[in-house]
């Protein structure tokens, strides 16, 4: 068996086209309680863009392999790792800023973070759902405690986390309002949003207040969302933000509605994946994959996620950008709905 693997290594902070290089590294060996996974697919997230730019240079020493989504097949197990056997199809969210990332042909992870891949998902779809799905679940269920009959505002419903959050909120029995550009309204309502508001055409606040406000705000876009959330919150409403805050915001108005704020840096876990897998099996959640590229095209994937190339007339795809690592035995079906 070969002892090396191919990775796309981050060798310098900055623009995507000069940041990565193909490298051959030693294949990792699973330790106690760990599994070695042959990575079939991973994906690109905004966190990856921030890491590549150098926003987290204190946590990431170059050269580094980044990335956090995995769907693949168990290739080996370490001592005491009896939950899985070689050949098992698995998916997971790798620990963030802890060890080698997932832009690689193989990855080692503690078995406690791994779940069996839902049969209804392809590897591309599973890799595109791991981080965003866990983020949406943790935000809406574990932090906000969203209940049936409540109203949820999801900012950025056409993005990766947003598209998952709309579906999770709907599955919880909530009414869903989302902000998205007009061209994406049919898309987000197709995911289950009851109302889509074009944030680029005017102020969203009056339209949300006309509904009577919302119980939960999920911020996936940043800007002044936190400061303006009290304007749309019902009494004792909750706000969850998954976006870094580069500048202070005045949250004094939050006292007027007894608001609760949560700032979420997602953490991996098998239980969250199992809950998402159950939603998939029930038909309440489907990944949204906007593009599938080979791992070698990582720079292009980052460029697409940042907004596309003006020279090529491209725009940022809806949903997630997935990366096929090993040749897949399946078609890239992530752009089509589940049956």
C-alpha atoms as a PDB file:
ATOM      1  CA  UNK A   1       0.000   0.000   0.000  1.00  0.00           C
ATOM      2  CA  UNK A   2       1.353   3.482  -0.838  1.00  0.00           C
ATOM      3  CA  UNK A   3       2.629   5.421   2.147  1.00  0.00           C
ATOM      4  CA  UNK A   4       2.098   8.918   0.726  1.00  0.00           C
ATOM      5  CA  UNK A   5      -0.900  10.998  -0.297  1.00  0.00           C
ATOM      6  CA  UNK A   6      -1.628  14.030  -2.419  1.00  0.00           C
ATOM      7  CA  UNK A   7      -2.769  17.227  -0.715  1.00  0.00           C
ATOM      8  CA  UNK A   8      -3.441  20.804  -1.711  1.00  0.00           C
ATOM      9  CA  UNK A   9      -1.307  22.735   0.732  1.00  0.00           C
ATOM     10  CA  UNK A  10      -1.735  26.360   1.735  1.00  0.00           C
ATOM     11  CA  UNK A  11       1.775  27.735   1.268  1.00  0.00           C
ATOM     12  CA  UNK A  12       1.129  31.482   1.558  1.00  0.00           C
ATOM     13  CA  UNK A  13      -1.622  33.791   2.718  1.00  0.00           C
ATOM     14  CA  UNK A  14      -3.291  35.966   0.107  1.00  0.00           C
ATOM     15  CA  UNK A  15      -4.961  35.623  -3.286  1.00  0.00           C
ATOM     16  CA  UNK A  16      -6.302  32.195  -4.216  1.00  0.00           C
ATOM     17  CA  UNK A  17      -4.286  31.744  -7.406  1.00  0.00           C
ATOM     18  CA  UNK A  18      -0.950  31.927  -5.546  1.00  0.00           C
ATOM     19  CA  UNK A  19      -1.911  30.412  -2.202  1.00  0.00           C
ATOM     20  CA  UNK A  20      -1.940  26.656  -2.862  1.00  0.00           C
ATOM     21  CA  UNK A  21       0.502  24.046  -4.111  1.00  0.00           C
ATOM     22  CA  UNK A  22       0.162  20.317  -4.791  1.00  0.00           C
ATOM     23  CA  UNK A  23       2.272  18.300  -2.352  1.00  0.00           C
ATOM     24  CA  UNK A  24       2.983  14.679  -1.514  1.00  0.00           C
ATOM     25  CA  UNK A  25       2.856  14.088   2.251  1.00  0.00           C
ATOM     26  CA  UNK A  26       3.115  10.935   4.362  1.00  0.00           C
ATOM     27  CA  UNK A  27      -0.200   9.187   4.729  1.00  0.00           C
ATOM     28  CA  UNK A  28      -1.380   9.628   8.355  1.00  0.00           C
ATOM     29  CA  UNK A  29      -1.644   6.660  10.706  1.00  0.00           C
ATOM     30  CA  UNK A  30      -4.685   6.356  12.975  1.00  0.00           C
ATOM     31  CA  UNK A  31      -3.957   6.401  16.686  1.00  0.00           C
ATOM     32  CA  UNK A  32      -6.033   5.012  19.556  1.00  0.00           C
ATOM     33  CA  UNK A  33      -9.741   5.606  18.952  1.00  0.00           C
ATOM     34  CA  UNK A  34      -9.118   7.054  15.486  1.00  0.00           C
ATOM     35  CA  UNK A  35     -10.061   6.070  11.943  1.00  0.00           C
ATOM     36  CA  UNK A  36      -8.235   6.682   8.683  1.00  0.00           C
ATOM     37  CA  UNK A  37     -10.661   7.853   5.997  1.00  0.00           C
ATOM     38  CA  UNK A  38     -10.126   7.836   2.256  1.00  0.00           C
ATOM     39  CA  UNK A  39     -11.572  11.241   1.400  1.00  0.00           C
ATOM     40  CA  UNK A  40     -13.874  11.030  -1.611  1.00  0.00           C
ATOM     41  CA  UNK A  41     -15.241  14.564  -1.343  1.00  0.00           C
ATOM     42  CA  UNK A  42     -14.776  17.717   0.673  1.00  0.00           C
ATOM     43  CA  UNK A  43     -16.039  21.262   0.185  1.00  0.00           C
ATOM     44  CA  UNK A  44     -15.126  24.938   0.455  1.00  0.00           C
ATOM     45  CA  UNK A  45     -16.520  27.184   3.188  1.00  0.00           C
ATOM     46  CA  UNK A  46     -16.189  30.895   4.020  1.00  0.00           C
ATOM     47  CA  UNK A  47     -13.952  29.825   6.911  1.00  0.00           C
ATOM     48  CA  UNK A  48     -11.511  28.475   4.308  1.00  0.00           C
ATOM     49  CA  UNK A  49     -11.444  31.834   2.535  1.00  0.00           C
ATOM     50  CA  UNK A  50     -10.747  33.642   5.781  1.00  0.00           C
ATOM     51  CA  UNK A  51      -7.984  31.196   6.636  1.00  0.00           C
ATOM     52  CA  UNK A  52      -6.406  31.555   3.202  1.00  0.00           C
ATOM     53  CA  UNK A  53      -6.473  35.356   3.436  1.00  0.00           C
ATOM     54  CA  UNK A  54      -4.632  35.208   6.758  1.00  0.00           C
ATOM     55  CA  UNK A  55      -7.460  36.164   9.113  1.00  0.00           C
ATOM     56  CA  UNK A  56      -6.488  33.266  11.405  1.00  0.00           C
ATOM     57  CA  UNK A  57      -2.728  33.301  10.950  1.00  0.00           C
ATOM     58  CA  UNK A  58      -2.279  32.980  14.719  1.00  0.00           C
ATOM     59  CA  UNK A  59      -4.061  29.606  14.586  1.00  0.00           C
ATOM     60  CA  UNK A  60      -2.631  28.352  11.279  1.00  0.00           C
ATOM     61  CA  UNK A  61       1.101  27.890  10.751  1.00  0.00           C
ATOM     62  CA  UNK A  62       2.214  27.600   7.126  1.00  0.00           C
ATOM     63  CA  UNK A  63       2.490  25.373   5.241  1.00  0.00           C
ATOM     64  CA  UNK A  64      -0.874  23.887   6.189  1.00  0.00           C
ATOM     65  CA  UNK A  65      -3.616  21.657   4.834  1.00  0.00           C
ATOM     66  CA  UNK A  66      -6.965  23.321   5.546  1.00  0.00           C
ATOM     67  CA  UNK A  67     -10.601  22.267   5.037  1.00  0.00           C
ATOM     68  CA  UNK A  68     -13.141  20.674   7.380  1.00  0.00           C
ATOM     69  CA  UNK A  69     -15.783  18.663   5.457  1.00  0.00           C
ATOM     70  CA  UNK A  70     -15.338  14.957   4.714  1.00  0.00           C
ATOM     71  CA  UNK A  71     -17.329  12.249   3.050  1.00  0.00           C
ATOM     72  CA  UNK A  72     -15.471   9.060   2.294  1.00  0.00           C
ATOM     73  CA  UNK A  73     -14.688   5.460   3.159  1.00  0.00           C
ATOM     74  CA  UNK A  74     -12.916   4.088   6.212  1.00  0.00           C
ATOM     75  CA  UNK A  75      -9.504   2.814   5.106  1.00  0.00           C
ATOM     76  CA  UNK A  76      -8.134   1.735   8.494  1.00  0.00           C
ATOM     77  CA  UNK A  77      -8.691   1.908  12.240  1.00  0.00           C
ATOM     78  CA  UNK A  78      -6.483   2.529  15.236  1.00  0.00           C
ATOM     79  CA  UNK A  79      -6.426   0.590  18.515  1.00  0.00           C
ATOM     80  CA  UNK A  80      -9.789   0.663  20.257  1.00  0.00           C
ATOM     81  CA  UNK A  81     -11.624   2.172  17.286  1.00  0.00           C
ATOM     82  CA  UNK A  82     -14.328  -0.466  17.041  1.00  0.00           C
ATOM     83  CA  UNK A  83     -17.245   1.666  15.889  1.00  0.00           C
ATOM     84  CA  UNK A  84     -16.265   1.377  12.224  1.00  0.00           C
ATOM     85  CA  UNK A  85     -14.729  -1.132   9.873  1.00  0.00           C
ATOM     86  CA  UNK A  86     -12.740  -0.641   6.654  1.00  0.00           C
ATOM     87  CA  UNK A  87     -15.181  -0.034   3.829  1.00  0.00           C
ATOM     88  CA  UNK A  88     -17.779   1.819   5.918  1.00  0.00           C
ATOM     89  CA  UNK A  89     -19.074   4.972   4.218  1.00  0.00           C
ATOM     90  CA  UNK A  90     -18.828   7.899   6.615  1.00  0.00           C
ATOM     91  CA  UNK A  91     -19.127  11.671   6.833  1.00  0.00           C
ATOM     92  CA  UNK A  92     -18.052  14.232   9.393  1.00  0.00           C
ATOM     93  CA  UNK A  93     -16.976  17.742  10.262  1.00  0.00           C
ATOM     94  CA  UNK A  94     -13.282  17.745  11.158  1.00  0.00           C
ATOM     95  CA  UNK A  95     -12.071  19.734  14.186  1.00  0.00           C
ATOM     96  CA  UNK A  96     -11.321  23.331  13.232  1.00  0.00           C
ATOM     97  CA  UNK A  97      -7.731  24.555  13.611  1.00  0.00           C
ATOM     98  CA  UNK A  98      -6.691  21.186  15.038  1.00  0.00           C
ATOM     99  CA  UNK A  99      -4.409  19.001  12.933  1.00  0.00           C
ATOM    100  CA  UNK A 100      -4.414  18.332   9.221  1.00  0.00           C
ATOM    101  CA  UNK A 101      -7.387  19.582   7.225  1.00  0.00           C
ATOM    102  CA  UNK A 102      -9.397  17.841   4.527  1.00  0.00           C
ATOM    103  CA  UNK A 103      -7.923  19.102   1.234  1.00  0.00           C
ATOM    104  CA  UNK A 104      -6.204  15.721   1.099  1.00  0.00           C
ATOM    105  CA  UNK A 105      -6.647  12.176  -0.165  1.00  0.00           C
ATOM    106  CA  UNK A 106      -6.677  10.744   3.373  1.00  0.00           C
ATOM    107  CA  UNK A 107      -7.626  12.118   6.779  1.00  0.00           C
ATOM    108  CA  UNK A 108      -7.396  10.837  10.365  1.00  0.00           C
ATOM    109  CA  UNK A 109     -10.092  11.705  12.901  1.00  0.00           C
ATOM    110  CA  UNK A 110     -11.406  10.551  16.282  1.00  0.00           C
ATOM    111  CA  UNK A 111     -14.184   8.030  15.680  1.00  0.00           C
ATOM    112  CA  UNK A 112     -16.436   9.901  18.148  1.00  0.00           C
ATOM    113  CA  UNK A 113     -16.826  12.688  15.561  1.00  0.00           C
ATOM    114  CA  UNK A 114     -17.748  10.358  12.691  1.00  0.00           C
ATOM    115  CA  UNK A 115     -21.183   9.169  11.541  1.00  0.00           C
ATOM    116  CA  UNK A 116     -22.319   6.761   8.878  1.00  0.00           C
ATOM    117  CA  UNK A 117     -23.198   8.568   5.665  1.00  0.00           C
ATOM    118  CA  UNK A 118     -26.947   8.749   4.973  1.00  0.00           C
ATOM    119  CA  UNK A 119     -27.729   6.351   2.147  1.00  0.00           C
ATOM    120  CA  UNK A 120     -29.776   8.989   0.326  1.00  0.00           C
ATOM    121  CA  UNK A 121     -26.762  11.262  -0.033  1.00  0.00           C
ATOM    122  CA  UNK A 122     -23.944  10.972  -2.511  1.00  0.00           C
ATOM    123  CA  UNK A 123     -20.441  11.636  -1.179  1.00  0.00           C
ATOM    124  CA  UNK A 124     -20.466  15.029  -2.876  1.00  0.00           C
ATOM    125  CA  UNK A 125     -23.747  15.929  -1.192  1.00  0.00           C
ATOM    126  CA  UNK A 126     -22.633  14.690   2.221  1.00  0.00           C
ATOM    127  CA  UNK A 127     -19.397  16.672   2.028  1.00  0.00           C
ATOM    128  CA  UNK A 128     -21.378  19.766   1.089  1.00  0.00           C
ATOM    129  CA  UNK A 129     -23.725  19.386   4.040  1.00  0.00           C
ATOM    130  CA  UNK A 130     -21.423  18.572   6.956  1.00  0.00           C
ATOM    131  CA  UNK A 131     -20.209  21.981   8.165  1.00  0.00           C
ATOM    132  CA  UNK A 132     -23.198  24.059   7.045  1.00  0.00           C
ATOM    133  CA  UNK A 133     -25.697  21.502   8.300  1.00  0.00           C
ATOM    134  CA  UNK A 134     -24.065  21.174  11.708  1.00  0.00           C
ATOM    135  CA  UNK A 135     -23.858  24.972  11.926  1.00  0.00           C
ATOM    136  CA  UNK A 136     -27.554  25.407  11.110  1.00  0.00           C
ATOM    137  CA  UNK A 137     -28.549  22.677  13.571  1.00  0.00           C
ATOM    138  CA  UNK A 138     -26.418  24.030  16.406  1.00  0.00           C
ATOM    139  CA  UNK A 139     -27.640  27.586  15.773  1.00  0.00           C
ATOM    140  CA  UNK A 140     -31.360  26.883  15.545  1.00  0.00           C
ATOM    141  CA  UNK A 141     -31.742  23.900  17.868  1.00  0.00           C
ATOM    142  CA  UNK A 142     -28.986  24.002  20.465  1.00  0.00           C
ATOM    143  CA  UNK A 143     -28.550  27.766  20.783  1.00  0.00           C
ATOM    144  CA  UNK A 144     -31.853  29.394  19.790  1.00  0.00           C
ATOM    145  CA  UNK A 145     -34.082  26.528  20.935  1.00  0.00           C
ATOM    146  CA  UNK A 146     -36.410  27.095  17.990  1.00  0.00           C
ATOM    147  CA  UNK A 147     -39.901  25.717  18.558  1.00  0.00           C
ATOM    148  CA  UNK A 148     -42.814  24.842  16.301  1.00  0.00           C
ATOM    149  CA  UNK A 149     -45.003  27.828  15.544  1.00  0.00           C
ATOM    150  CA  UNK A 150     -42.235  30.399  15.980  1.00  0.00           C
ATOM    151  CA  UNK A 151     -41.074  32.716  13.219  1.00  0.00           C
ATOM    152  CA  UNK A 152     -37.419  32.618  12.116  1.00  0.00           C
ATOM    153  CA  UNK A 153     -35.526  35.162  10.005  1.00  0.00           C
ATOM    154  CA  UNK A 154     -32.578  33.648   8.129  1.00  0.00           C
ATOM    155  CA  UNK A 155     -30.238  36.242   6.664  1.00  0.00           C
ATOM    156  CA  UNK A 156     -28.557  35.049   3.459  1.00  0.00           C
ATOM    157  CA  UNK A 157     -30.893  32.196   2.603  1.00  0.00           C
ATOM    158  CA  UNK A 158     -29.225  31.379  -0.732  1.00  0.00           C
ATOM    159  CA  UNK A 159     -25.843  30.631   0.847  1.00  0.00           C
ATOM    160  CA  UNK A 160     -24.514  27.399   2.294  1.00  0.00           C
ATOM    161  CA  UNK A 161     -25.557  27.839   5.925  1.00  0.00           C
ATOM    162  CA  UNK A 162     -28.663  29.791   4.930  1.00  0.00           C
ATOM    163  CA  UNK A 163     -29.989  27.129   2.579  1.00  0.00           C
ATOM    164  CA  UNK A 164     -29.533  24.463   5.264  1.00  0.00           C
ATOM    165  CA  UNK A 165     -31.034  26.690   7.965  1.00  0.00           C
ATOM    166  CA  UNK A 166     -34.215  27.329   5.988  1.00  0.00           C
ATOM    167  CA  UNK A 167     -34.811  23.601   5.762  1.00  0.00           C
ATOM    168  CA  UNK A 168     -33.926  22.881   9.398  1.00  0.00           C
ATOM    169  CA  UNK A 169     -36.217  25.662  10.627  1.00  0.00           C
ATOM    170  CA  UNK A 170     -39.027  24.384   8.422  1.00  0.00           C
ATOM    171  CA  UNK A 171     -38.526  20.854   9.729  1.00  0.00           C
ATOM    172  CA  UNK A 172     -38.816  22.206  13.284  1.00  0.00           C
ATOM    173  CA  UNK A 173     -42.242  23.584  12.403  1.00  0.00           C
ATOM    174  CA  UNK A 174     -41.222  27.243  12.260  1.00  0.00           C
ATOM    175  CA  UNK A 175     -42.401  29.910   9.832  1.00  0.00           C
ATOM    176  CA  UNK A 176     -39.388  31.007   7.814  1.00  0.00           C
ATOM    177  CA  UNK A 177     -38.562  34.464   6.474  1.00  0.00           C
ATOM    178  CA  UNK A 178     -35.296  34.952   4.610  1.00  0.00           C
ATOM    179  CA  UNK A 179     -33.319  37.696   2.911  1.00  0.00           C
ATOM    180  CA  UNK A 180     -32.012  37.001  -0.582  1.00  0.00           C
ATOM    181  CA  UNK A 181     -31.621  38.775  -3.889  1.00  0.00           C
ATOM    182  CA  UNK A 182     -34.710  38.754  -6.105  1.00  0.00           C
ATOM    183  CA  UNK A 183     -33.096  36.303  -8.532  1.00  0.00           C
ATOM    184  CA  UNK A 184     -32.880  33.764  -5.671  1.00  0.00           C
ATOM    185  CA  UNK A 185     -36.441  34.084  -4.358  1.00  0.00           C
ATOM    186  CA  UNK A 186     -37.811  31.090  -6.244  1.00  0.00           C
ATOM    187  CA  UNK A 187     -34.841  29.065  -5.025  1.00  0.00           C
ATOM    188  CA  UNK A 188     -35.244  29.891  -1.310  1.00  0.00           C
ATOM    189  CA  UNK A 189     -39.019  29.491  -1.332  1.00  0.00           C
ATOM    190  CA  UNK A 190     -38.449  26.111  -2.973  1.00  0.00           C
ATOM    191  CA  UNK A 191     -36.377  25.176   0.071  1.00  0.00           C
ATOM    192  CA  UNK A 192     -39.279  26.032   2.362  1.00  0.00           C
ATOM    193  CA  UNK A 193     -39.093  29.759   3.080  1.00  0.00           C
ATOM    194  CA  UNK A 194     -42.544  31.303   3.536  1.00  0.00           C
ATOM    195  CA  UNK A 195     -41.367  34.775   2.564  1.00  0.00           C
ATOM    196  CA  UNK A 196     -38.266  36.058   0.752  1.00  0.00           C
ATOM    197  CA  UNK A 197     -37.208  39.706   1.017  1.00  0.00           C
ATOM    198  CA  UNK A 198     -34.845  41.352  -1.455  1.00  0.00           C
ATOM    199  CA  UNK A 199     -32.295  42.987   0.824  1.00  0.00           C
ATOM    200  CA  UNK A 200     -30.699  44.809  -2.128  1.00  0.00           C
ATOM    201  CA  UNK A 201     -33.934  46.603  -3.057  1.00  0.00           C
ATOM    202  CA  UNK A 202     -34.595  48.360   0.237  1.00  0.00           C
ATOM    203  CA  UNK A 203     -34.775  48.064   3.991  1.00  0.00           C
ATOM    204  CA  UNK A 204     -35.904  44.616   5.148  1.00  0.00           C
ATOM    205  CA  UNK A 205     -36.904  45.783   8.626  1.00  0.00           C
ATOM    206  CA  UNK A 206     -40.343  47.315   7.813  1.00  0.00           C
ATOM    207  CA  UNK A 207     -41.400  44.187   5.952  1.00  0.00           C
ATOM    208  CA  UNK A 208     -40.447  41.937   8.857  1.00  0.00           C
ATOM    209  CA  UNK A 209     -42.069  44.218  11.421  1.00  0.00           C
ATOM    210  CA  UNK A 210     -45.273  44.187   9.385  1.00  0.00           C
ATOM    211  CA  UNK A 211     -45.448  40.442  10.064  1.00  0.00           C
ATOM    212  CA  UNK A 212     -45.312  41.077  13.802  1.00  0.00           C
ATOM    213  CA  UNK A 213     -41.583  40.480  14.191  1.00  0.00           C
ATOM    214  CA  UNK A 214     -39.656  37.238  14.566  1.00  0.00           C
ATOM    215  CA  UNK A 215     -38.655  34.996  17.448  1.00  0.00           C
ATOM    216  CA  UNK A 216     -35.249  34.015  16.070  1.00  0.00           C
ATOM    217  CA  UNK A 217     -32.727  35.776  13.837  1.00  0.00           C
ATOM    218  CA  UNK A 218     -29.915  33.766  12.249  1.00  0.00           C
ATOM    219  CA  UNK A 219     -27.148  36.030  10.964  1.00  0.00           C
ATOM    220  CA  UNK A 220     -24.987  34.514   8.226  1.00  0.00           C
ATOM    221  CA  UNK A 221     -24.015  37.769   6.498  1.00  0.00           C
ATOM    222  CA  UNK A 222     -22.599  40.156   9.109  1.00  0.00           C
ATOM    223  CA  UNK A 223     -22.643  43.926   8.676  1.00  0.00           C
ATOM    224  CA  UNK A 224     -25.067  45.728  10.979  1.00  0.00           C
ATOM    225  CA  UNK A 225     -27.326  42.700  11.380  1.00  0.00           C
ATOM    226  CA  UNK A 226     -26.703  42.378  15.119  1.00  0.00           C
ATOM    227  CA  UNK A 227     -27.411  46.036  15.844  1.00  0.00           C
ATOM    228  CA  UNK A 228     -30.623  46.007  13.808  1.00  0.00           C
ATOM    229  CA  UNK A 229     -31.973  42.676  15.073  1.00  0.00           C
ATOM    230  CA  UNK A 230     -33.889  44.280  18.002  1.00  0.00           C
ATOM    231  CA  UNK A 231     -35.901  46.197  15.396  1.00  0.00           C
ATOM    232  CA  UNK A 232     -37.438  42.936  14.160  1.00  0.00           C
ATOM    233  CA  UNK A 233     -37.403  40.783  17.301  1.00  0.00           C
ATOM    234  CA  UNK A 234     -40.455  39.878  19.312  1.00  0.00           C
ATOM    235  CA  UNK A 235     -40.098  40.057  23.092  1.00  0.00           C
ATOM    236  CA  UNK A 236     -37.535  37.565  24.401  1.00  0.00           C
ATOM    237  CA  UNK A 237     -36.310  36.902  20.891  1.00  0.00           C
ATOM    238  CA  UNK A 238     -32.984  35.194  20.184  1.00  0.00           C
ATOM    239  CA  UNK A 239     -30.199  36.121  17.795  1.00  0.00           C
ATOM    240  CA  UNK A 240     -27.524  33.695  16.627  1.00  0.00           C
ATOM    241  CA  UNK A 241     -24.572  34.965  14.591  1.00  0.00           C
ATOM    242  CA  UNK A 242     -22.067  32.752  12.791  1.00  0.00           C
ATOM    243  CA  UNK A 243     -20.108  35.714  11.391  1.00  0.00           C
ATOM    244  CA  UNK A 244     -17.022  37.396  12.829  1.00  0.00           C
ATOM    245  CA  UNK A 245     -17.609  40.963  14.012  1.00  0.00           C
ATOM    246  CA  UNK A 246     -14.734  43.181  12.775  1.00  0.00           C
ATOM    247  CA  UNK A 247     -16.076  46.323  14.471  1.00  0.00           C
ATOM    248  CA  UNK A 248     -18.074  46.887  17.676  1.00  0.00           C
ATOM    249  CA  UNK A 249     -21.837  47.246  17.347  1.00  0.00           C
ATOM    250  CA  UNK A 250     -24.211  49.019  19.705  1.00  0.00           C
ATOM    251  CA  UNK A 251     -26.575  46.383  21.097  1.00  0.00           C
ATOM    252  CA  UNK A 252     -28.285  48.651  23.641  1.00  0.00           C
ATOM    253  CA  UNK A 253     -31.655  48.266  21.879  1.00  0.00           C
ATOM    254  CA  UNK A 254     -31.568  44.537  22.670  1.00  0.00           C
ATOM    255  CA  UNK A 255     -32.454  45.325  26.290  1.00  0.00           C
ATOM    256  CA  UNK A 256     -35.790  46.741  25.147  1.00  0.00           C
ATOM    257  CA  UNK A 257     -36.966  43.339  23.899  1.00  0.00           C
ATOM    258  CA  UNK A 258     -35.133  41.170  26.441  1.00  0.00           C
ATOM    259  CA  UNK A 259     -33.100  39.671  23.588  1.00  0.00           C
ATOM    260  CA  UNK A 260     -30.611  36.850  23.923  1.00  0.00           C
ATOM    261  CA  UNK A 261     -27.527  36.858  21.673  1.00  0.00           C
ATOM    262  CA  UNK A 262     -25.464  33.795  20.779  1.00  0.00           C
ATOM    263  CA  UNK A 263     -22.135  33.905  18.947  1.00  0.00           C
ATOM    264  CA  UNK A 264     -21.459  30.556  17.345  1.00  0.00           C
ATOM    265  CA  UNK A 265     -18.165  28.994  16.306  1.00  0.00           C
ATOM    266  CA  UNK A 266     -19.374  25.563  15.293  1.00  0.00           C
ATOM    267  CA  UNK A 267     -18.107  22.399  16.959  1.00  0.00           C
ATOM    268  CA  UNK A 268     -18.159  18.901  15.413  1.00  0.00           C
ATOM    269  CA  UNK A 269     -20.075  15.974  16.831  1.00  0.00           C
ATOM    270  CA  UNK A 270     -21.670  12.668  15.846  1.00  0.00           C
ATOM    271  CA  UNK A 271     -25.018  13.439  17.480  1.00  0.00           C
ATOM    272  CA  UNK A 272     -25.549  16.505  15.282  1.00  0.00           C
ATOM    273  CA  UNK A 273     -24.716  14.516  12.162  1.00  0.00           C
ATOM    274  CA  UNK A 274     -27.129  11.796  13.238  1.00  0.00           C
ATOM    275  CA  UNK A 275     -29.903  14.369  13.669  1.00  0.00           C
ATOM    276  CA  UNK A 276     -29.192  15.820  10.231  1.00  0.00           C
ATOM    277  CA  UNK A 277     -29.104  12.341   8.725  1.00  0.00           C
ATOM    278  CA  UNK A 278     -32.529  11.642  10.176  1.00  0.00           C
ATOM    279  CA  UNK A 279     -33.892  14.793   8.534  1.00  0.00           C
ATOM    280  CA  UNK A 280     -32.372  13.671   5.232  1.00  0.00           C
ATOM    281  CA  UNK A 281     -33.951  10.234   5.561  1.00  0.00           C
ATOM    282  CA  UNK A 282     -37.323  11.840   6.287  1.00  0.00           C
ATOM    283  CA  UNK A 283     -37.066  14.033   3.199  1.00  0.00           C
ATOM    284  CA  UNK A 284     -36.877  17.261   5.200  1.00  0.00           C
ATOM    285  CA  UNK A 285     -33.334  18.234   4.253  1.00  0.00           C
ATOM    286  CA  UNK A 286     -31.429  18.128   0.998  1.00  0.00           C
ATOM    287  CA  UNK A 287     -27.971  19.542   0.354  1.00  0.00           C
ATOM    288  CA  UNK A 288     -27.631  22.304  -2.207  1.00  0.00           C
ATOM    289  CA  UNK A 289     -24.509  21.874  -4.326  1.00  0.00           C
ATOM    290  CA  UNK A 290     -23.860  24.694  -6.759  1.00  0.00           C
ATOM    291  CA  UNK A 291     -20.630  23.382  -8.295  1.00  0.00           C
ATOM    292  CA  UNK A 292     -18.353  20.341  -8.165  1.00  0.00           C
ATOM    293  CA  UNK A 293     -14.646  20.735  -8.969  1.00  0.00           C
ATOM    294  CA  UNK A 294     -11.645  18.426  -8.672  1.00  0.00           C
ATOM    295  CA  UNK A 295      -9.388  19.024  -5.683  1.00  0.00           C
ATOM    296  CA  UNK A 296      -6.636  20.270  -7.988  1.00  0.00           C
ATOM    297  CA  UNK A 297      -8.875  23.228  -8.898  1.00  0.00           C
ATOM    298  CA  UNK A 298      -8.959  24.514  -5.332  1.00  0.00           C
ATOM    299  CA  UNK A 299      -7.948  28.046  -6.371  1.00  0.00           C
ATOM    300  CA  UNK A 300     -10.882  28.219  -8.788  1.00  0.00           C
ATOM    301  CA  UNK A 301     -13.211  26.936  -6.066  1.00  0.00           C
ATOM    302  CA  UNK A 302     -12.098  29.712  -3.721  1.00  0.00           C
ATOM    303  CA  UNK A 303     -12.548  32.301  -6.477  1.00  0.00           C
ATOM    304  CA  UNK A 304     -16.089  31.091  -7.163  1.00  0.00           C
ATOM    305  CA  UNK A 305     -17.016  31.230  -3.488  1.00  0.00           C
ATOM    306  CA  UNK A 306     -15.660  34.759  -3.229  1.00  0.00           C
ATOM    307  CA  UNK A 307     -18.044  35.887  -5.916  1.00  0.00           C
ATOM    308  CA  UNK A 308     -16.921  34.445  -9.225  1.00  0.00           C
ATOM    309  CA  UNK A 309     -14.813  35.881 -11.994  1.00  0.00           C
ATOM    310  CA  UNK A 310     -15.976  39.034 -13.753  1.00  0.00           C
ATOM    311  CA  UNK A 311     -13.854  38.139 -16.778  1.00  0.00           C
ATOM    312  CA  UNK A 312     -15.712  34.854 -17.204  1.00  0.00           C
ATOM    313  CA  UNK A 313     -19.134  36.297 -16.398  1.00  0.00           C
ATOM    314  CA  UNK A 314     -19.551  33.987 -13.424  1.00  0.00           C
ATOM    315  CA  UNK A 315     -21.273  34.658 -10.135  1.00  0.00           C
ATOM    316  CA  UNK A 316     -21.147  32.879  -6.826  1.00  0.00           C
ATOM    317  CA  UNK A 317     -23.117  29.605  -7.032  1.00  0.00           C
ATOM    318  CA  UNK A 318     -26.068  28.989  -4.785  1.00  0.00           C
ATOM    319  CA  UNK A 319     -25.387  26.637  -1.922  1.00  0.00           C
ATOM    320  CA  UNK A 320     -22.043  24.859  -1.618  1.00  0.00           C
ATOM    321  CA  UNK A 321     -18.984  24.293  -3.793  1.00  0.00           C
ATOM    322  CA  UNK A 322     -17.828  20.698  -3.443  1.00  0.00           C
ATOM    323  CA  UNK A 323     -14.465  19.164  -4.265  1.00  0.00           C
ATOM    324  CA  UNK A 324     -14.082  15.643  -5.665  1.00  0.00           C
ATOM    325  CA  UNK A 325     -10.870  14.260  -4.145  1.00  0.00           C
ATOM    326  CA  UNK A 326     -10.634  10.655  -5.287  1.00  0.00           C
ATOM    327  CA  UNK A 327     -12.393   9.650  -8.517  1.00  0.00           C
ATOM    328  CA  UNK A 328     -16.008   9.071  -7.605  1.00  0.00           C
ATOM    329  CA  UNK A 329     -17.950   5.979  -8.584  1.00  0.00           C
ATOM    330  CA  UNK A 330     -21.110   8.087  -8.620  1.00  0.00           C
ATOM    331  CA  UNK A 331     -22.341  10.989 -10.755  1.00  0.00           C
ATOM    332  CA  UNK A 332     -22.127  14.442  -9.133  1.00  0.00           C
ATOM    333  CA  UNK A 333     -25.820  14.538  -8.341  1.00  0.00           C
ATOM    334  CA  UNK A 334     -25.587  17.361  -5.809  1.00  0.00           C
ATOM    335  CA  UNK A 335     -27.201  19.856  -8.169  1.00  0.00           C
ATOM    336  CA  UNK A 336     -30.484  17.930  -8.278  1.00  0.00           C
ATOM    337  CA  UNK A 337     -33.145  17.489  -5.563  1.00  0.00           C
ATOM    338  CA  UNK A 338     -33.420  14.221  -3.697  1.00  0.00           C
ATOM    339  CA  UNK A 339     -36.245  12.018  -4.968  1.00  0.00           C
END
